């Protein structure tokens, strides 16, 4: 365990071994789905996806996103327990990027796009929490002046 509350070496091993990887986050609902598999006609896939209600639903989502690919034996995943941006600070995003770029040099933009979407979602969620937006309740309010 380190300052991020996770075993970064274990996460690195998951990134190295996974055919298909889901990264879950504490604050945001959506996840990053990374399919490292390739064919002669298709490279890896990186996408911000909605949470699945079951493993079966996740496999159906993957099949819809990658109809030319067989279903993988398993989908590996880990929960990132800190802010989305802390994943980059800890070097985890770079490990994913390095693996993707080793497969296809164009994948950095897709990863940045999906990661950026989750950063924005997290920011919007935090603002909603502070302001008492939908799904949140304000505990203290300023007295009207």
Protein backbone atom coordinates (compact mmCIF):
# COMPACT_ATOMS: atom_id res chain seq x y z
CA UNK A 1 0.00 0.00 0.00
CA UNK A 2 1.25 3.48 -0.73
CA UNK A 3 -0.03 7.04 -0.35
CA UNK A 4 -2.78 6.33 -2.89
CA UNK A 5 -4.30 3.50 -0.84
CA UNK A 6 -3.58 0.86 -3.48
CA UNK A 7 -0.78 -1.48 -4.45
CA UNK A 8 0.62 0.22 -7.57
CA UNK A 9 2.69 -2.86 -8.46
CA UNK A 10 -0.45 -5.01 -8.42
CA UNK A 11 -2.29 -2.49 -10.58
CA UNK A 12 0.67 -2.49 -12.95
CA UNK A 13 0.43 -6.27 -13.18
CA UNK A 14 -3.27 -6.06 -14.00
CA UNK A 15 -2.53 -3.52 -16.74
CA UNK A 16 0.18 -5.78 -18.16
CA UNK A 17 -1.92 -8.98 -18.10
CA UNK A 18 -5.40 -7.76 -19.07
CA UNK A 19 -6.88 -8.36 -22.49
CA UNK A 20 -9.79 -6.16 -21.47
CA UNK A 21 -9.60 -3.77 -18.53
CA UNK A 22 -12.19 -1.70 -16.68
CA UNK A 23 -11.01 1.08 -14.36
CA UNK A 24 -13.65 2.14 -11.83
CA UNK A 25 -13.55 5.37 -9.83
CA UNK A 26 -14.87 6.55 -6.46
CA UNK A 27 -16.64 9.74 -7.47
CA UNK A 28 -17.67 9.26 -11.10
CA UNK A 29 -20.09 6.62 -12.30
CA UNK A 30 -18.58 6.01 -15.71
CA UNK A 31 -15.55 3.81 -16.16
CA UNK A 32 -12.68 3.60 -18.60
CA UNK A 33 -12.88 0.45 -20.72
CA UNK A 34 -9.68 -0.58 -22.47
CA UNK A 35 -9.63 -3.49 -24.89
CA UNK A 36 -5.99 -4.18 -25.76
CA UNK A 37 -6.88 -6.83 -28.35
CA UNK A 38 -6.26 -6.23 -32.04
CA UNK A 39 -6.96 -7.79 -35.41
CA UNK A 40 -5.58 -7.02 -38.86
CA UNK A 41 -8.46 -4.55 -39.29
CA UNK A 42 -8.96 -3.12 -35.78
CA UNK A 43 -6.70 -1.72 -33.12
CA UNK A 44 -7.23 -1.40 -29.38
CA UNK A 45 -10.27 0.39 -27.97
CA UNK A 46 -10.46 2.99 -25.21
CA UNK A 47 -13.82 4.36 -24.15
CA UNK A 48 -15.56 5.98 -21.19
CA UNK A 49 -18.54 3.70 -20.52
CA UNK A 50 -21.53 3.61 -18.20
CA UNK A 51 -21.43 1.25 -15.25
CA UNK A 52 -22.87 -2.20 -15.90
CA UNK A 53 -25.43 -3.76 -13.61
CA UNK A 54 -23.87 -7.21 -14.06
CA UNK A 55 -20.94 -9.04 -15.60
CA UNK A 56 -23.26 -10.28 -18.33
CA UNK A 57 -24.25 -6.70 -19.18
CA UNK A 58 -20.59 -5.69 -19.39
CA UNK A 59 -19.90 -8.54 -21.82
CA UNK A 60 -22.92 -7.46 -23.92
CA UNK A 61 -21.62 -3.87 -23.95
CA UNK A 62 -18.19 -5.06 -25.05
CA UNK A 63 -19.72 -7.21 -27.81
CA UNK A 64 -21.70 -4.18 -29.05
CA UNK A 65 -18.54 -2.04 -29.06
CA UNK A 66 -16.39 -4.75 -30.65
CA UNK A 67 -18.68 -6.91 -32.82
CA UNK A 68 -15.75 -8.32 -34.82
CA UNK A 69 -14.05 -9.71 -31.72
CA UNK A 70 -14.87 -12.85 -29.74
CA UNK A 71 -15.76 -12.32 -26.11
CA UNK A 72 -12.69 -12.44 -23.87
CA UNK A 73 -12.39 -15.15 -21.23
CA UNK A 74 -12.49 -12.46 -18.56
CA UNK A 75 -12.55 -8.74 -18.06
CA UNK A 76 -10.10 -7.54 -15.44
CA UNK A 77 -10.78 -4.47 -13.37
CA UNK A 78 -9.62 -2.38 -10.48
CA UNK A 79 -11.07 0.43 -8.40
CA UNK A 80 -9.09 3.66 -8.28
CA UNK A 81 -9.91 4.96 -4.76
CA UNK A 82 -8.72 8.56 -5.25
CA UNK A 83 -9.59 11.45 -7.52
CA UNK A 84 -9.48 10.72 -11.24
CA UNK A 85 -6.49 13.06 -11.73
CA UNK A 86 -4.52 11.24 -9.02
CA UNK A 87 -4.37 8.23 -11.33
CA UNK A 88 -2.18 10.29 -13.65
CA UNK A 89 -0.15 11.65 -10.72
CA UNK A 90 0.57 8.10 -9.52
CA UNK A 91 1.83 7.02 -12.94
CA UNK A 92 -1.01 4.55 -13.57
CA UNK A 93 -2.25 6.44 -16.61
CA UNK A 94 1.28 6.36 -18.05
CA UNK A 95 1.43 2.58 -17.61
CA UNK A 96 -1.81 2.21 -19.55
CA UNK A 97 -0.55 4.68 -22.17
CA UNK A 98 2.76 2.83 -22.57
CA UNK A 99 1.00 -0.46 -23.17
CA UNK A 100 -1.43 1.10 -25.66
CA UNK A 101 1.31 2.95 -27.55
CA UNK A 102 3.28 -0.29 -27.78
CA UNK A 103 0.33 -1.70 -29.73
CA UNK A 104 -0.79 1.37 -31.71
CA UNK A 105 0.89 4.79 -31.71
CA UNK A 106 -2.43 6.55 -32.31
CA UNK A 107 -4.06 5.35 -29.07
CA UNK A 108 -2.77 8.17 -26.84
CA UNK A 109 -5.45 10.56 -28.08
CA UNK A 110 -8.24 8.07 -27.36
CA UNK A 111 -6.93 7.53 -23.84
CA UNK A 112 -6.61 11.27 -23.25
CA UNK A 113 -10.15 11.81 -24.54
CA UNK A 114 -11.72 9.17 -22.28
CA UNK A 115 -9.67 10.31 -19.29
CA UNK A 116 -10.60 13.95 -19.97
CA UNK A 117 -14.31 13.04 -20.04
CA UNK A 118 -14.00 11.47 -16.59
CA UNK A 119 -12.06 14.45 -15.23
CA UNK A 120 -14.89 16.74 -16.40
CA UNK A 121 -17.54 14.42 -14.95
CA UNK A 122 -15.73 14.39 -11.62
CA UNK A 123 -15.46 18.18 -11.64
CA UNK A 124 -19.18 18.54 -12.39
CA UNK A 125 -20.03 16.06 -9.63
CA UNK A 126 -17.91 17.92 -7.09
CA UNK A 127 -19.49 21.24 -8.05
CA UNK A 128 -22.96 19.70 -7.71
CA UNK A 129 -22.02 18.35 -4.28
CA UNK A 130 -20.81 21.77 -3.12
CA UNK A 131 -23.85 23.56 -4.48
CA UNK A 132 -26.39 20.98 -3.35
CA UNK A 133 -27.21 19.95 -6.91
CA UNK A 134 -29.31 17.00 -8.00
CA UNK A 135 -28.56 13.94 -5.90
CA UNK A 136 -26.96 16.03 -3.14
CA UNK A 137 -28.31 17.80 -0.09
CA UNK A 138 -26.86 21.01 1.29
CA UNK A 139 -26.10 20.75 5.01
CA UNK A 140 -25.45 24.43 5.61
CA UNK A 141 -26.75 27.39 3.71
CA UNK A 142 -25.63 30.97 3.87
CA UNK A 143 -28.16 33.28 5.48
CA UNK A 144 -29.80 35.59 2.94
CA UNK A 145 -28.27 39.06 3.13
